[in-house]
N, C-alpha and C. Protein backbone atom coordinates (compact mmCIF):
# COMPACT_ATOMS: atom_id res chain seq x y z
N UNK A 1 4.57 -12.02 -13.82
CA UNK A 1 4.90 -10.78 -14.48
C UNK A 1 6.09 -10.14 -13.77
N UNK A 2 7.04 -9.67 -14.52
CA UNK A 2 8.23 -9.05 -13.95
C UNK A 2 7.88 -7.72 -13.30
N UNK A 3 8.65 -7.36 -12.30
CA UNK A 3 8.43 -6.11 -11.57
C UNK A 3 8.46 -4.91 -12.51
N UNK A 4 9.37 -4.90 -13.45
CA UNK A 4 9.47 -3.79 -14.40
C UNK A 4 8.19 -3.65 -15.22
N UNK A 5 7.59 -4.78 -15.61
CA UNK A 5 6.35 -4.74 -16.38
C UNK A 5 5.21 -4.19 -15.54
N UNK A 6 5.16 -4.57 -14.25
CA UNK A 6 4.11 -4.08 -13.37
C UNK A 6 4.22 -2.58 -13.15
N UNK A 7 5.43 -2.07 -13.12
CA UNK A 7 5.63 -0.64 -12.91
C UNK A 7 5.13 0.16 -14.11
N UNK A 8 5.20 -0.42 -15.30
CA UNK A 8 4.81 0.28 -16.51
C UNK A 8 3.29 0.34 -16.68
N UNK A 9 2.59 -0.68 -16.21
CA UNK A 9 1.15 -0.69 -16.37
C UNK A 9 0.46 -0.07 -15.16
N UNK A 10 -0.73 0.43 -15.36
CA UNK A 10 -1.51 1.03 -14.27
C UNK A 10 -2.08 -0.10 -13.42
N UNK A 11 -1.63 -0.20 -12.19
CA UNK A 11 -2.11 -1.24 -11.29
C UNK A 11 -3.06 -0.61 -10.29
N UNK A 12 -4.24 -1.19 -10.17
CA UNK A 12 -5.20 -0.70 -9.19
C UNK A 12 -4.95 -1.38 -7.85
N UNK A 13 -4.77 -0.57 -6.83
CA UNK A 13 -4.56 -1.08 -5.48
C UNK A 13 -5.92 -1.51 -4.93
N UNK A 14 -5.95 -2.65 -4.22
CA UNK A 14 -7.19 -3.16 -3.65
C UNK A 14 -7.04 -3.38 -2.15
N UNK A 15 -8.18 -3.55 -1.49
CA UNK A 15 -8.21 -3.74 -0.03
C UNK A 15 -7.41 -4.95 0.43
N UNK A 16 -7.37 -5.98 -0.39
CA UNK A 16 -6.74 -7.24 0.04
C UNK A 16 -5.28 -7.38 -0.37
N UNK A 17 -4.71 -6.33 -0.95
CA UNK A 17 -3.29 -6.39 -1.33
C UNK A 17 -2.40 -6.25 -0.10
N UNK A 18 -1.29 -6.96 -0.11
CA UNK A 18 -0.32 -6.83 0.97
C UNK A 18 0.40 -5.49 0.86
N UNK A 19 0.69 -4.90 2.00
CA UNK A 19 1.38 -3.60 2.02
C UNK A 19 2.70 -3.69 1.26
N UNK A 20 3.46 -4.75 1.48
CA UNK A 20 4.73 -4.93 0.79
C UNK A 20 4.57 -4.97 -0.72
N UNK A 21 3.50 -5.62 -1.19
CA UNK A 21 3.24 -5.69 -2.63
C UNK A 21 2.85 -4.32 -3.18
N UNK A 22 2.09 -3.56 -2.40
CA UNK A 22 1.70 -2.21 -2.83
C UNK A 22 2.95 -1.36 -3.01
N UNK A 23 3.84 -1.42 -2.03
CA UNK A 23 5.07 -0.61 -2.08
C UNK A 23 5.96 -1.03 -3.25
N UNK A 24 6.05 -2.34 -3.49
CA UNK A 24 6.86 -2.82 -4.62
C UNK A 24 6.27 -2.41 -5.96
N UNK A 25 4.96 -2.54 -6.07
CA UNK A 25 4.28 -2.25 -7.32
C UNK A 25 4.19 -0.76 -7.61
N UNK A 26 4.01 0.01 -6.53
CA UNK A 26 3.81 1.45 -6.67
C UNK A 26 4.66 2.17 -5.63
N UNK A 27 5.97 2.30 -5.89
CA UNK A 27 6.89 2.89 -4.91
C UNK A 27 6.48 4.28 -4.42
N UNK A 28 5.78 5.03 -5.24
CA UNK A 28 5.34 6.36 -4.82
C UNK A 28 4.32 6.29 -3.69
N UNK A 29 3.78 5.11 -3.42
CA UNK A 29 2.83 4.94 -2.31
C UNK A 29 3.49 5.18 -0.95
N UNK A 30 4.80 5.07 -0.91
CA UNK A 30 5.53 5.31 0.35
C UNK A 30 5.19 6.69 0.90
N UNK A 31 5.15 7.69 0.04
CA UNK A 31 4.82 9.05 0.48
C UNK A 31 3.41 9.12 1.07
N UNK A 32 2.48 8.41 0.46
CA UNK A 32 1.10 8.40 0.96
C UNK A 32 1.04 7.76 2.33
N UNK A 33 1.69 6.61 2.50
CA UNK A 33 1.70 5.94 3.80
C UNK A 33 2.31 6.84 4.87
N UNK A 34 3.44 7.43 4.56
CA UNK A 34 4.13 8.28 5.54
C UNK A 34 3.32 9.53 5.88
N UNK A 35 2.62 10.09 4.90
CA UNK A 35 1.87 11.32 5.14
C UNK A 35 0.70 11.14 6.10
N UNK A 36 0.22 9.91 6.25
CA UNK A 36 -0.88 9.67 7.20
C UNK A 36 -0.40 8.95 8.46
N UNK A 37 0.90 8.88 8.62
CA UNK A 37 1.46 8.33 9.86
C UNK A 37 1.65 6.83 9.88
N UNK A 38 1.66 6.20 8.72
CA UNK A 38 1.87 4.76 8.65
C UNK A 38 3.31 4.51 8.20
N UNK A 39 4.13 3.98 9.10
CA UNK A 39 5.52 3.69 8.77
C UNK A 39 5.69 2.32 8.16
N UNK A 40 4.80 1.97 7.26
CA UNK A 40 4.75 0.62 6.69
C UNK A 40 6.02 0.21 5.95
N UNK A 41 6.76 1.17 5.48
CA UNK A 41 7.94 0.82 4.68
C UNK A 41 9.00 0.14 5.52
N UNK A 42 9.00 0.37 6.82
CA UNK A 42 10.02 -0.22 7.69
C UNK A 42 9.47 -1.33 8.58
N UNK A 43 8.21 -1.68 8.41
CA UNK A 43 7.56 -2.65 9.29
C UNK A 43 7.64 -4.06 8.70
N UNK A 44 8.14 -5.03 9.48
CA UNK A 44 8.20 -6.40 8.99
C UNK A 44 6.81 -6.98 8.68
N UNK A 45 5.79 -6.45 9.33
CA UNK A 45 4.42 -6.93 9.09
C UNK A 45 3.94 -6.61 7.69
N UNK A 46 4.58 -5.67 7.03
CA UNK A 46 4.14 -5.27 5.69
C UNK A 46 4.20 -6.42 4.69
N UNK A 47 4.98 -7.44 5.00
CA UNK A 47 5.07 -8.59 4.11
C UNK A 47 3.87 -9.52 4.24
N UNK A 48 3.11 -9.39 5.34
CA UNK A 48 2.02 -10.32 5.62
C UNK A 48 0.68 -9.62 5.87
N UNK A 49 0.69 -8.30 5.95
CA UNK A 49 -0.50 -7.54 6.33
C UNK A 49 -1.15 -6.91 5.10
N UNK A 50 -2.47 -7.07 4.99
CA UNK A 50 -3.19 -6.44 3.89
C UNK A 50 -3.43 -4.97 4.19
N UNK A 51 -3.85 -4.25 3.19
CA UNK A 51 -4.17 -2.84 3.35
C UNK A 51 -5.24 -2.66 4.43
N UNK A 52 -6.29 -3.46 4.37
CA UNK A 52 -7.36 -3.36 5.37
C UNK A 52 -6.86 -3.65 6.77
N UNK A 53 -6.02 -4.67 6.92
CA UNK A 53 -5.48 -5.01 8.24
C UNK A 53 -4.61 -3.88 8.79
N UNK A 54 -3.78 -3.31 7.95
CA UNK A 54 -2.91 -2.21 8.39
C UNK A 54 -3.74 -1.00 8.79
N UNK A 55 -4.80 -0.73 8.03
CA UNK A 55 -5.68 0.40 8.36
C UNK A 55 -6.36 0.18 9.71
N UNK A 56 -6.79 -1.04 9.96
CA UNK A 56 -7.43 -1.35 11.23
C UNK A 56 -6.47 -1.12 12.39
N UNK A 57 -5.24 -1.57 12.26
CA UNK A 57 -4.22 -1.41 13.30
C UNK A 57 -3.94 0.07 13.57
N UNK A 58 -3.92 0.87 12.51
CA UNK A 58 -3.55 2.28 12.63
C UNK A 58 -4.75 3.22 12.78
N UNK A 59 -5.96 2.68 12.75
CA UNK A 59 -7.15 3.52 12.90
C UNK A 59 -7.40 4.43 11.71
N UNK A 60 -7.07 3.94 10.52
CA UNK A 60 -7.23 4.71 9.28
C UNK A 60 -8.43 4.16 8.50
N UNK A 61 -9.19 5.03 7.88
CA UNK A 61 -10.30 4.61 7.03
C UNK A 61 -9.72 3.96 5.77
N UNK A 62 -9.96 2.65 5.56
CA UNK A 62 -9.36 1.97 4.41
C UNK A 62 -9.84 2.51 3.07
N UNK A 63 -11.10 2.95 3.01
CA UNK A 63 -11.61 3.50 1.74
C UNK A 63 -10.90 4.80 1.38
N UNK A 64 -10.65 5.64 2.39
CA UNK A 64 -9.92 6.89 2.16
C UNK A 64 -8.51 6.60 1.66
N UNK A 65 -7.81 5.68 2.33
CA UNK A 65 -6.44 5.37 1.93
C UNK A 65 -6.41 4.76 0.53
N UNK A 66 -7.35 3.88 0.25
CA UNK A 66 -7.42 3.26 -1.07
C UNK A 66 -7.59 4.31 -2.16
N UNK A 67 -8.45 5.28 -1.89
CA UNK A 67 -8.66 6.37 -2.86
C UNK A 67 -7.36 7.15 -3.08
N UNK A 68 -6.64 7.43 -2.02
CA UNK A 68 -5.38 8.16 -2.12
C UNK A 68 -4.34 7.36 -2.91
N UNK A 69 -4.26 6.08 -2.66
CA UNK A 69 -3.27 5.24 -3.32
C UNK A 69 -3.56 5.05 -4.81
N UNK A 70 -4.82 5.13 -5.19
CA UNK A 70 -5.19 4.91 -6.59
C UNK A 70 -5.29 6.20 -7.41
N UNK A 71 -4.87 7.32 -6.84
CA UNK A 71 -4.88 8.59 -7.60
C UNK A 71 -3.87 8.55 -8.71
């Protein structure tokens, strides 16, 4: 599916999605990541790290972040 098509449809973010994919699919997620102190947009690990893995590294509750990202 083309990136433009993914942007038009409502995509649900999940625990196992890569941070880079979340940012590509839902660019407005950048504000959410930054607001809780996660500089994921500039981190090379974002290409290989899932949401749960990034939360573990940063000490963030993954369920809380997931709820914020899916608003």
